[in-house]
Structures are given as C-alpha cells and as structure tokens.
Amino acid sequence: MASEASLLEPVVNATLILAAALTLLAGYRVIKGPTVPDRVVALDTIATNVVAIAALFALVTGEGLFVTVSLVLAIIGFISTIAVSQYVVEGDIIE
C-alpha cells in the first residue's frame, strides 16, 4: 500500500502547474484587458494564485515559512485590490 505522502505529491505538483498556468493567463488579461476593471480582477486572480502556489509549495517542502509568506501575500493582495478598486471608482485612493 502506497503511503499518503506518495499519493499526495503528484496531485500537489499537478495543482502547482495548473495554478502557474492560470497565473500566466491572468497576466495576459492584465496586459490585454479591454477595461480597467478587467485588469483589476486579473490582478486579484494573480494574487490569489500566488497565495495558492506558496501554500502548495509549503505543503510539498514541509517548510512552515511559506505558509507565513502566503498569509502576508494574501493581506497585501487584499489591500491592493481595495486600493485599486477605490481608485477606479472614485479616481483617488485617499480623500
């Protein structure tokens, strides 16, 4: 019987490749997006995918530091999305 770690590793590796590919597609949307809101959503998608990649990498390597990195990236992604959204809606971040 295969161990749990040997079954989990191919799934995590495939998920890492899928998340990286989706990040590249979102990068294309950032560059070619027809409107600014499309670009904002694509940037939020990239931030979410990078958080997922960091968490999956932490799972593969067993290093807890990458979980901390993913949490910090999630916070930065959330704040940047809010700031850009406010800029798009009101034209200014801080009134």
PDB file of N, CA and C in Angstrom:
ATOM      1  N   MET A   1       0.851  -1.180   0.000  1.00  0.00           N
ATOM      2  CA  MET A   1       0.000   0.000   0.000  1.00  0.00           C
ATOM      3  C   MET A   1       0.894   1.239   0.000  1.00  0.00           C
ATOM      4  N   ALA A   2       0.552   2.168  -0.879  1.00  0.00           N
ATOM      5  CA  ALA A   2       1.351   3.385  -1.007  1.00  0.00           C
ATOM      6  C   ALA A   2       1.096   4.299   0.183  1.00  0.00           C
ATOM      7  N   SER A   3       2.127   5.030   0.558  1.00  0.00           N
ATOM      8  CA  SER A   3       1.960   5.939   1.681  1.00  0.00           C
ATOM      9  C   SER A   3       1.153   7.160   1.253  1.00  0.00           C
ATOM     10  N   GLU A   4       0.653   7.866   2.232  1.00  0.00           N
ATOM     11  CA  GLU A   4      -0.179   9.030   1.959  1.00  0.00           C
ATOM     12  C   GLU A   4       0.606  10.132   1.256  1.00  0.00           C
ATOM     13  N   ALA A   5       1.876  10.287   1.627  1.00  0.00           N
ATOM     14  CA  ALA A   5       2.702  11.330   1.020  1.00  0.00           C
ATOM     15  C   ALA A   5       2.955  11.051  -0.451  1.00  0.00           C
ATOM     16  N   SER A   6       3.137   9.786  -0.815  1.00  0.00           N
ATOM     17  CA  SER A   6       3.411   9.488  -2.222  1.00  0.00           C
ATOM     18  C   SER A   6       2.167   9.696  -3.080  1.00  0.00           C
ATOM     19  N   LEU A   7       0.984   9.559  -2.509  1.00  0.00           N
ATOM     20  CA  LEU A   7      -0.241   9.818  -3.264  1.00  0.00           C
ATOM     21  C   LEU A   7      -0.514  11.308  -3.388  1.00  0.00           C
ATOM     22  N   LEU A   8      -0.139  12.055  -2.388  1.00  0.00           N
ATOM     23  CA  LEU A   8      -0.426  13.493  -2.368  1.00  0.00           C
ATOM     24  C   LEU A   8       0.505  14.285  -3.287  1.00  0.00           C
ATOM     25  N   GLU A   9       1.736  13.825  -3.430  1.00  0.00           N
ATOM     26  CA  GLU A   9       2.735  14.589  -4.181  1.00  0.00           C
ATOM     27  C   GLU A   9       2.360  14.820  -5.649  1.00  0.00           C
ATOM     28  N   PRO A  10       1.898  13.821  -6.408  1.00  0.00           N
ATOM     29  CA  PRO A  10       1.529  14.121  -7.805  1.00  0.00           C
ATOM     30  C   PRO A  10       0.349  15.079  -7.917  1.00  0.00           C
ATOM     31  N   VAL A  11      -0.578  14.986  -6.993  1.00  0.00           N
ATOM     32  CA  VAL A  11      -1.738  15.888  -7.031  1.00  0.00           C
ATOM     33  C   VAL A  11      -1.301  17.320  -6.757  1.00  0.00           C
ATOM     34  N   VAL A  12      -0.428  17.487  -5.775  1.00  0.00           N
ATOM     35  CA  VAL A  12       0.048  18.831  -5.450  1.00  0.00           C
ATOM     36  C   VAL A  12       0.889  19.389  -6.594  1.00  0.00           C
ATOM     37  N   ASN A  13       1.719  18.551  -7.199  1.00  0.00           N
ATOM     38  CA  ASN A  13       2.529  19.017  -8.332  1.00  0.00           C
ATOM     39  C   ASN A  13       1.649  19.414  -9.515  1.00  0.00           C
ATOM     40  N   ALA A  14       0.625  18.640  -9.794  1.00  0.00           N
ATOM     41  CA  ALA A  14      -0.291  18.990 -10.887  1.00  0.00           C
ATOM     42  C   ALA A  14      -1.034  20.289 -10.576  1.00  0.00           C
ATOM     43  N   THR A  15      -1.402  20.461  -9.323  1.00  0.00           N
ATOM     44  CA  THR A  15      -2.086  21.700  -8.926  1.00  0.00           C
ATOM     45  C   THR A  15      -1.164  22.900  -9.033  1.00  0.00           C
ATOM     46  N   LEU A  16       0.111  22.703  -8.704  1.00  0.00           N
ATOM     47  CA  LEU A  16       1.090  23.790  -8.862  1.00  0.00           C
ATOM     48  C   LEU A  16       1.211  24.200 -10.328  1.00  0.00           C
ATOM     49  N   ILE A  17       1.274  23.222 -11.211  1.00  0.00           N
ATOM     50  CA  ILE A  17       1.380  23.525 -12.647  1.00  0.00           C
ATOM     51  C   ILE A  17       0.115  24.225 -13.136  1.00  0.00           C
ATOM     52  N   LEU A  18      -1.037  23.770 -12.689  1.00  0.00           N
ATOM     53  CA  LEU A  18      -2.302  24.392 -13.085  1.00  0.00           C
ATOM     54  C   LEU A  18      -2.392  25.829 -12.578  1.00  0.00           C
ATOM     55  N   ALA A  19      -1.999  26.054 -11.338  1.00  0.00           N
ATOM     56  CA  ALA A  19      -2.046  27.419 -10.781  1.00  0.00           C
ATOM     57  C   ALA A  19      -1.075  28.339 -11.510  1.00  0.00           C
ATOM     58  N   ALA A  20       0.095  27.816 -11.874  1.00  0.00           N
ATOM     59  CA  ALA A  20       1.060  28.631 -12.614  1.00  0.00           C
ATOM     60  C   ALA A  20       0.525  28.985 -14.003  1.00  0.00           C
ATOM     61  N   ALA A  21      -0.110  28.020 -14.666  1.00  0.00           N
ATOM     62  CA  ALA A  21      -0.675  28.291 -15.989  1.00  0.00           C
ATOM     63  C   ALA A  21      -1.801  29.321 -15.903  1.00  0.00           C
ATOM     64  N   LEU A  22      -2.643  29.200 -14.887  1.00  0.00           N
ATOM     65  CA  LEU A  22      -3.731  30.174 -14.723  1.00  0.00           C
ATOM     66  C   LEU A  22      -3.195  31.559 -14.394  1.00  0.00           C
ATOM     67  N   THR A  23      -2.085  31.609 -13.670  1.00  0.00           N
ATOM     68  CA  THR A  23      -1.460  32.895 -13.384  1.00  0.00           C
ATOM     69  C   THR A  23      -0.958  33.555 -14.663  1.00  0.00           C
ATOM     70  N   LEU A  24      -0.383  32.760 -15.548  1.00  0.00           N
ATOM     71  CA  LEU A  24       0.068  33.306 -16.830  1.00  0.00           C
ATOM     72  C   LEU A  24      -1.106  33.815 -17.662  1.00  0.00           C
ATOM     73  N   LEU A  25      -2.213  33.071 -17.661  1.00  0.00           N
ATOM     74  CA  LEU A  25      -3.390  33.526 -18.405  1.00  0.00           C
ATOM     75  C   LEU A  25      -3.950  34.819 -17.811  1.00  0.00           C
ATOM     76  N   ALA A  26      -3.941  34.924 -16.498  1.00  0.00           N
ATOM     77  CA  ALA A  26      -4.390  36.168 -15.865  1.00  0.00           C
ATOM     78  C   ALA A  26      -3.437  37.308 -16.182  1.00  0.00           C
ATOM     79  N   GLY A  27      -2.140  37.011 -16.304  1.00  0.00           N
ATOM     80  CA  GLY A  27      -1.175  38.025 -16.717  1.00  0.00           C
ATOM     81  C   GLY A  27      -1.468  38.547 -18.116  1.00  0.00           C
ATOM     82  N   TYR A  28      -1.894  37.655 -18.994  1.00  0.00           N
ATOM     83  CA  TYR A  28      -2.298  38.084 -20.330  1.00  0.00           C
ATOM     84  C   TYR A  28      -3.492  39.032 -20.256  1.00  0.00           C
ATOM     85  N   ARG A  29      -4.444  38.731 -19.350  1.00  0.00           N
ATOM     86  CA  ARG A  29      -5.624  39.595 -19.195  1.00  0.00           C
ATOM     87  C   ARG A  29      -5.226  40.960 -18.631  1.00  0.00           C
ATOM     88  N   VAL A  30      -4.209  40.972 -17.774  1.00  0.00           N
ATOM     89  CA  VAL A  30      -3.738  42.256 -17.240  1.00  0.00           C
ATOM     90  C   VAL A  30      -3.172  43.114 -18.364  1.00  0.00           C
ATOM     91  N   ILE A  31      -2.436  42.483 -19.261  1.00  0.00           N
ATOM     92  CA  ILE A  31      -1.801  43.243 -20.347  1.00  0.00           C
ATOM     93  C   ILE A  31      -2.819  43.645 -21.411  1.00  0.00           C
ATOM     94  N   LYS A  32      -3.668  42.730 -21.828  1.00  0.00           N
ATOM     95  CA  LYS A  32      -4.586  42.974 -22.938  1.00  0.00           C
ATOM     96  C   LYS A  32      -6.007  43.286 -22.510  1.00  0.00           C
ATOM     97  N   GLY A  33      -6.254  43.398 -21.217  1.00  0.00           N
ATOM     98  CA  GLY A  33      -7.624  43.612 -20.740  1.00  0.00           C
ATOM     99  C   GLY A  33      -8.276  44.784 -21.421  1.00  0.00           C
ATOM    100  N   PRO A  34      -9.509  44.628 -21.861  1.00  0.00           N
ATOM    101  CA  PRO A  34     -10.139  45.744 -22.562  1.00  0.00           C
ATOM    102  C   PRO A  34     -10.485  46.912 -21.641  1.00  0.00           C
ATOM    103  N   THR A  35     -10.803  46.634 -20.384  1.00  0.00           N
ATOM    104  CA  THR A  35     -11.173  47.711 -19.470  1.00  0.00           C
ATOM    105  C   THR A  35     -10.338  47.620 -18.196  1.00  0.00           C
ATOM    106  N   VAL A  36     -10.347  48.694 -17.455  1.00  0.00           N
ATOM    107  CA  VAL A  36      -9.587  48.725 -16.198  1.00  0.00           C
ATOM    108  C   VAL A  36     -10.146  47.737 -15.172  1.00  0.00           C
ATOM    109  N   PRO A  37     -11.477  47.624 -15.015  1.00  0.00           N
ATOM    110  CA  PRO A  37     -11.975  46.616 -14.072  1.00  0.00           C
ATOM    111  C   PRO A  37     -11.552  45.187 -14.419  1.00  0.00           C
ATOM    112  N   ASP A  38     -11.452  44.883 -15.714  1.00  0.00           N
ATOM    113  CA  ASP A  38     -10.962  43.556 -16.098  1.00  0.00           C
ATOM    114  C   ASP A  38      -9.535  43.343 -15.610  1.00  0.00           C
ATOM    115  N   ARG A  39      -8.735  44.378 -15.727  1.00  0.00           N
ATOM    116  CA  ARG A  39      -7.347  44.284 -15.273  1.00  0.00           C
ATOM    117  C   ARG A  39      -7.269  44.147 -13.754  1.00  0.00           C
ATOM    118  N   VAL A  40      -8.148  44.829 -13.043  1.00  0.00           N
ATOM    119  CA  VAL A  40      -8.163  44.727 -11.573  1.00  0.00           C
ATOM    120  C   VAL A  40      -8.537  43.313 -11.148  1.00  0.00           C
ATOM    121  N   VAL A  41      -9.536  42.744 -11.790  1.00  0.00           N
ATOM    122  CA  VAL A  41      -9.936  41.375 -11.462  1.00  0.00           C
ATOM    123  C   VAL A  41      -8.806  40.406 -11.787  1.00  0.00           C
ATOM    124  N   ALA A  42      -8.107  40.635 -12.885  1.00  0.00           N
ATOM    125  CA  ALA A  42      -6.986  39.765 -13.244  1.00  0.00           C
ATOM    126  C   ALA A  42      -5.855  39.882 -12.229  1.00  0.00           C
ATOM    127  N   LEU A  43      -5.587  41.090 -11.744  1.00  0.00           N
ATOM    128  CA  LEU A  43      -4.562  41.254 -10.710  1.00  0.00           C
ATOM    129  C   LEU A  43      -4.960  40.547  -9.424  1.00  0.00           C
ATOM    130  N   ASP A  44      -6.231  40.612  -9.070  1.00  0.00           N
ATOM    131  CA  ASP A  44      -6.704  39.895  -7.886  1.00  0.00           C
ATOM    132  C   ASP A  44      -6.566  38.391  -8.075  1.00  0.00           C
ATOM    133  N   THR A  45      -6.838  37.918  -9.286  1.00  0.00           N
ATOM    134  CA  THR A  45      -6.672  36.495  -9.578  1.00  0.00           C
ATOM    135  C   THR A  45      -5.219  36.076  -9.453  1.00  0.00           C
ATOM    136  N   ILE A  46      -4.310  36.917  -9.943  1.00  0.00           N
ATOM    137  CA  ILE A  46      -2.887  36.613  -9.829  1.00  0.00           C
ATOM    138  C   ILE A  46      -2.475  36.540  -8.361  1.00  0.00           C
ATOM    139  N   ALA A  47      -2.956  37.490  -7.561  1.00  0.00           N
ATOM    140  CA  ALA A  47      -2.609  37.473  -6.131  1.00  0.00           C
ATOM    141  C   ALA A  47      -3.128  36.214  -5.458  1.00  0.00           C
ATOM    142  N   THR A  48      -4.337  35.822  -5.798  1.00  0.00           N
ATOM    143  CA  THR A  48      -4.904  34.602  -5.210  1.00  0.00           C
ATOM    144  C   THR A  48      -4.114  33.377  -5.636  1.00  0.00           C
ATOM    145  N   ASN A  49      -3.729  33.316  -6.913  1.00  0.00           N
ATOM    146  CA  ASN A  49      -2.964  32.172  -7.401  1.00  0.00           C
ATOM    147  C   ASN A  49      -1.580  32.113  -6.768  1.00  0.00           C
ATOM    148  N   VAL A  50      -0.954  33.248  -6.548  1.00  0.00           N
ATOM    149  CA  VAL A  50       0.370  33.252  -5.913  1.00  0.00           C
ATOM    150  C   VAL A  50       0.263  32.770  -4.461  1.00  0.00           C
ATOM    151  N   VAL A  51      -0.809  33.154  -3.789  1.00  0.00           N
ATOM    152  CA  VAL A  51      -1.037  32.657  -2.428  1.00  0.00           C
ATOM    153  C   VAL A  51      -1.204  31.135  -2.447  1.00  0.00           C
ATOM    154  N   ALA A  52      -1.974  30.639  -3.407  1.00  0.00           N
ATOM    155  CA  ALA A  52      -2.171  29.189  -3.516  1.00  0.00           C
ATOM    156  C   ALA A  52      -0.869  28.470  -3.832  1.00  0.00           C
ATOM    157  N   ILE A  53      -0.065  29.064  -4.713  1.00  0.00           N
ATOM    158  CA  ILE A  53       1.220  28.446  -5.061  1.00  0.00           C
ATOM    159  C   ILE A  53       2.129  28.394  -3.836  1.00  0.00           C
ATOM    160  N   ALA A  54       2.173  29.468  -3.056  1.00  0.00           N
ATOM    161  CA  ALA A  54       3.011  29.476  -1.853  1.00  0.00           C
ATOM    162  C   ALA A  54       2.533  28.441  -0.842  1.00  0.00           C
ATOM    163  N   ALA A  55       1.225  28.318  -0.669  1.00  0.00           N
ATOM    164  CA  ALA A  55       0.695  27.327   0.270  1.00  0.00           C
ATOM    165  C   ALA A  55       0.967  25.904  -0.208  1.00  0.00           C
ATOM    166  N   LEU A  56       0.812  25.664  -1.506  1.00  0.00           N
ATOM    167  CA  LEU A  56       1.103  24.329  -2.033  1.00  0.00           C
ATOM    168  C   LEU A  56       2.593  24.008  -1.939  1.00  0.00           C
ATOM    169  N   PHE A  57       3.425  25.010  -2.170  1.00  0.00           N
ATOM    170  CA  PHE A  57       4.868  24.796  -2.050  1.00  0.00           C
ATOM    171  C   PHE A  57       5.230  24.478  -0.606  1.00  0.00           C
ATOM    172  N   ALA A  58       4.541  25.112   0.340  1.00  0.00           N
ATOM    173  CA  ALA A  58       4.759  24.789   1.753  1.00  0.00           C
ATOM    174  C   ALA A  58       4.362  23.354   2.042  1.00  0.00           C
ATOM    175  N   LEU A  59       3.311  22.896   1.390  1.00  0.00           N
ATOM    176  CA  LEU A  59       2.867  21.517   1.574  1.00  0.00           C
ATOM    177  C   LEU A  59       3.881  20.525   1.016  1.00  0.00           C
ATOM    178  N   VAL A  60       4.468  20.851  -0.135  1.00  0.00           N
ATOM    179  CA  VAL A  60       5.433  19.952  -0.770  1.00  0.00           C
ATOM    180  C   VAL A  60       6.734  19.902   0.018  1.00  0.00           C
ATOM    181  N   THR A  61       7.225  21.070   0.417  1.00  0.00           N
ATOM    182  CA  THR A  61       8.531  21.125   1.073  1.00  0.00           C
ATOM    183  C   THR A  61       8.460  20.883   2.575  1.00  0.00           C
ATOM    184  N   GLY A  62       7.294  21.092   3.177  1.00  0.00           N
ATOM    185  CA  GLY A  62       7.177  20.931   4.613  1.00  0.00           C
ATOM    186  C   GLY A  62       7.714  22.111   5.403  1.00  0.00           C
ATOM    187  N   GLU A  63       7.986  23.201   4.728  1.00  0.00           N
ATOM    188  CA  GLU A  63       8.503  24.412   5.370  1.00  0.00           C
ATOM    189  C   GLU A  63       7.324  25.314   5.769  1.00  0.00           C
ATOM    190  N   GLY A  64       7.251  25.624   7.042  1.00  0.00           N
ATOM    191  CA  GLY A  64       6.177  26.471   7.528  1.00  0.00           C
ATOM    192  C   GLY A  64       6.320  27.934   7.145  1.00  0.00           C
ATOM    193  N   LEU A  65       7.519  28.316   6.746  1.00  0.00           N
ATOM    194  CA  LEU A  65       7.768  29.705   6.364  1.00  0.00           C
ATOM    195  C   LEU A  65       6.905  30.119   5.176  1.00  0.00           C
ATOM    196  N   PHE A  66       6.660  29.195   4.256  1.00  0.00           N
ATOM    197  CA  PHE A  66       5.870  29.531   3.070  1.00  0.00           C
ATOM    198  C   PHE A  66       4.398  29.771   3.413  1.00  0.00           C
ATOM    199  N   VAL A  67       3.926  29.196   4.495  1.00  0.00           N
ATOM    200  CA  VAL A  67       2.562  29.489   4.941  1.00  0.00           C
ATOM    201  C   VAL A  67       2.483  30.938   5.411  1.00  0.00           C
ATOM    202  N   THR A  68       3.511  31.362   6.146  1.00  0.00           N
ATOM    203  CA  THR A  68       3.564  32.758   6.576  1.00  0.00           C
ATOM    204  C   THR A  68       3.651  33.687   5.368  1.00  0.00           C
ATOM    205  N   VAL A  69       4.465  33.311   4.407  1.00  0.00           N
ATOM    206  CA  VAL A  69       4.587  34.116   3.187  1.00  0.00           C
ATOM    207  C   VAL A  69       3.243  34.196   2.469  1.00  0.00           C
ATOM    208  N   SER A  70       2.523  33.093   2.407  1.00  0.00           N
ATOM    209  CA  SER A  70       1.223  33.113   1.726  1.00  0.00           C
ATOM    210  C   SER A  70       0.222  34.001   2.470  1.00  0.00           C
ATOM    211  N   LEU A  71       0.277  33.995   3.798  1.00  0.00           N
ATOM    212  CA  LEU A  71      -0.624  34.869   4.557  1.00  0.00           C
ATOM    213  C   LEU A  71      -0.311  36.343   4.308  1.00  0.00           C
ATOM    214  N   VAL A  72       0.972  36.686   4.291  1.00  0.00           N
ATOM    215  CA  VAL A  72       1.359  38.078   4.033  1.00  0.00           C
ATOM    216  C   VAL A  72       0.961  38.485   2.610  1.00  0.00           C
ATOM    217  N   LEU A  73       1.157  37.588   1.655  1.00  0.00           N
ATOM    218  CA  LEU A  73       0.754  37.885   0.277  1.00  0.00           C
ATOM    219  C   LEU A  73      -0.760  38.064   0.161  1.00  0.00           C
ATOM    220  N   ALA A  74      -1.508  37.284   0.918  1.00  0.00           N
ATOM    221  CA  ALA A  74      -2.968  37.430   0.902  1.00  0.00           C
ATOM    222  C   ALA A  74      -3.385  38.789   1.445  1.00  0.00           C
ATOM    223  N   ILE A  75      -2.734  39.223   2.499  1.00  0.00           N
ATOM    224  CA  ILE A  75      -3.056  40.538   3.070  1.00  0.00           C
ATOM    225  C   ILE A  75      -2.696  41.639   2.082  1.00  0.00           C
ATOM    226  N   ILE A  76      -1.516  41.556   1.486  1.00  0.00           N
ATOM    227  CA  ILE A  76      -1.093  42.572   0.518  1.00  0.00           C
ATOM    228  C   ILE A  76      -2.019  42.574  -0.699  1.00  0.00           C
ATOM    229  N   GLY A  77      -2.404  41.405  -1.162  1.00  0.00           N
ATOM    230  CA  GLY A  77      -3.321  41.314  -2.299  1.00  0.00           C
ATOM    231  C   GLY A  77      -4.671  41.920  -1.996  1.00  0.00           C
ATOM    232  N   PHE A  78      -5.175  41.678  -0.790  1.00  0.00           N
ATOM    233  CA  PHE A  78      -6.470  42.238  -0.409  1.00  0.00           C
ATOM    234  C   PHE A  78      -6.399  43.762  -0.339  1.00  0.00           C
ATOM    235  N   ILE A  79      -5.373  44.273   0.306  1.00  0.00           N
ATOM    236  CA  ILE A  79      -5.256  45.734   0.443  1.00  0.00           C
ATOM    237  C   ILE A  79      -5.063  46.396  -0.922  1.00  0.00           C
ATOM    238  N   SER A  80      -4.250  45.792  -1.782  1.00  0.00           N
ATOM    239  CA  SER A  80      -4.030  46.393  -3.099  1.00  0.00           C
ATOM    240  C   SER A  80      -5.286  46.345  -3.950  1.00  0.00           C
ATOM    241  N   THR A  81      -6.063  45.288  -3.833  1.00  0.00           N
ATOM    242  CA  THR A  81      -7.312  45.212  -4.587  1.00  0.00           C
ATOM    243  C   THR A  81      -8.291  46.282  -4.127  1.00  0.00           C
ATOM    244  N   ILE A  82      -8.378  46.481  -2.829  1.00  0.00           N
ATOM    245  CA  ILE A  82      -9.264  47.527  -2.306  1.00  0.00           C
ATOM    246  C   ILE A  82      -8.794  48.906  -2.769  1.00  0.00           C
ATOM    247  N   ALA A  83      -7.485  49.155  -2.727  1.00  0.00           N
ATOM    248  CA  ALA A  83      -6.954  50.461  -3.127  1.00  0.00           C
ATOM    249  C   ALA A  83      -7.201  50.731  -4.611  1.00  0.00           C
ATOM    250  N   VAL A  84      -6.933  49.749  -5.447  1.00  0.00           N
ATOM    251  CA  VAL A  84      -7.124  49.945  -6.886  1.00  0.00           C
ATOM    252  C   VAL A  84      -8.608  50.094  -7.211  1.00  0.00           C
ATOM    253  N   SER A  85      -9.439  49.328  -6.538  1.00  0.00           N
ATOM    254  CA  SER A  85     -10.885  49.442  -6.775  1.00  0.00           C
ATOM    255  C   SER A  85     -11.394  50.819  -6.383  1.00  0.00           C
ATOM    256  N   GLN A  86     -10.914  51.350  -5.274  1.00  0.00           N
ATOM    257  CA  GLN A  86     -11.331  52.696  -4.863  1.00  0.00           C
ATOM    258  C   GLN A  86     -10.820  53.731  -5.852  1.00  0.00           C
ATOM    259  N   TYR A  87      -9.624  53.529  -6.384  1.00  0.00           N
ATOM    260  CA  TYR A  87      -9.096  54.455  -7.382  1.00  0.00           C
ATOM    261  C   TYR A  87      -9.940  54.415  -8.652  1.00  0.00           C
ATOM    262  N   VAL A  88     -10.364  53.235  -9.052  1.00  0.00           N
ATOM    263  CA  VAL A  88     -11.168  53.111 -10.266  1.00  0.00           C
ATOM    264  C   VAL A  88     -12.532  53.763 -10.073  1.00  0.00           C
ATOM    265  N   VAL A  89     -13.129  53.573  -8.915  1.00  0.00           N
ATOM    266  CA  VAL A  89     -14.472  54.088  -8.681  1.00  0.00           C
ATOM    267  C   VAL A  89     -14.463  55.588  -8.437  1.00  0.00           C
ATOM    268  N   GLU A  90     -13.556  56.070  -7.573  1.00  0.00           N
ATOM    269  CA  GLU A  90     -13.598  57.466  -7.159  1.00  0.00           C
ATOM    270  C   GLU A  90     -12.489  58.328  -7.763  1.00  0.00           C
ATOM    271  N   GLY A  91     -11.501  57.729  -8.380  1.00  0.00           N
ATOM    272  CA  GLY A  91     -10.427  58.496  -9.001  1.00  0.00           C
ATOM    273  C   GLY A  91      -9.344  58.927  -8.038  1.00  0.00           C
ATOM    274  N   ASP A  92      -9.465  58.563  -6.770  1.00  0.00           N
ATOM    275  CA  ASP A  92      -8.473  58.909  -5.765  1.00  0.00           C
ATOM    276  C   ASP A  92      -8.499  57.853  -4.667  1.00  0.00           C
ATOM    277  N   ILE A  93      -7.316  57.523  -4.138  1.00  0.00           N
ATOM    278  CA  ILE A  93      -7.262  56.480  -3.112  1.00  0.00           C
ATOM    279  C   ILE A  93      -7.559  57.064  -1.740  1.00  0.00           C
ATOM    280  N   ILE A  94      -6.906  58.182  -1.428  1.00  0.00           N
ATOM    281  CA  ILE A  94      -7.107  58.828  -0.131  1.00  0.00           C
ATOM    282  C   ILE A  94      -7.727  60.190  -0.373  1.00  0.00           C
ATOM    283  N   GLU A  95      -8.863  60.411   0.257  1.00  0.00           N
ATOM    284  CA  GLU A  95      -9.553  61.688   0.049  1.00  0.00           C
ATOM    285  C   GLU A  95      -9.071  62.734   1.010  1.00  0.00           C
TER     286      GLU A  95
END
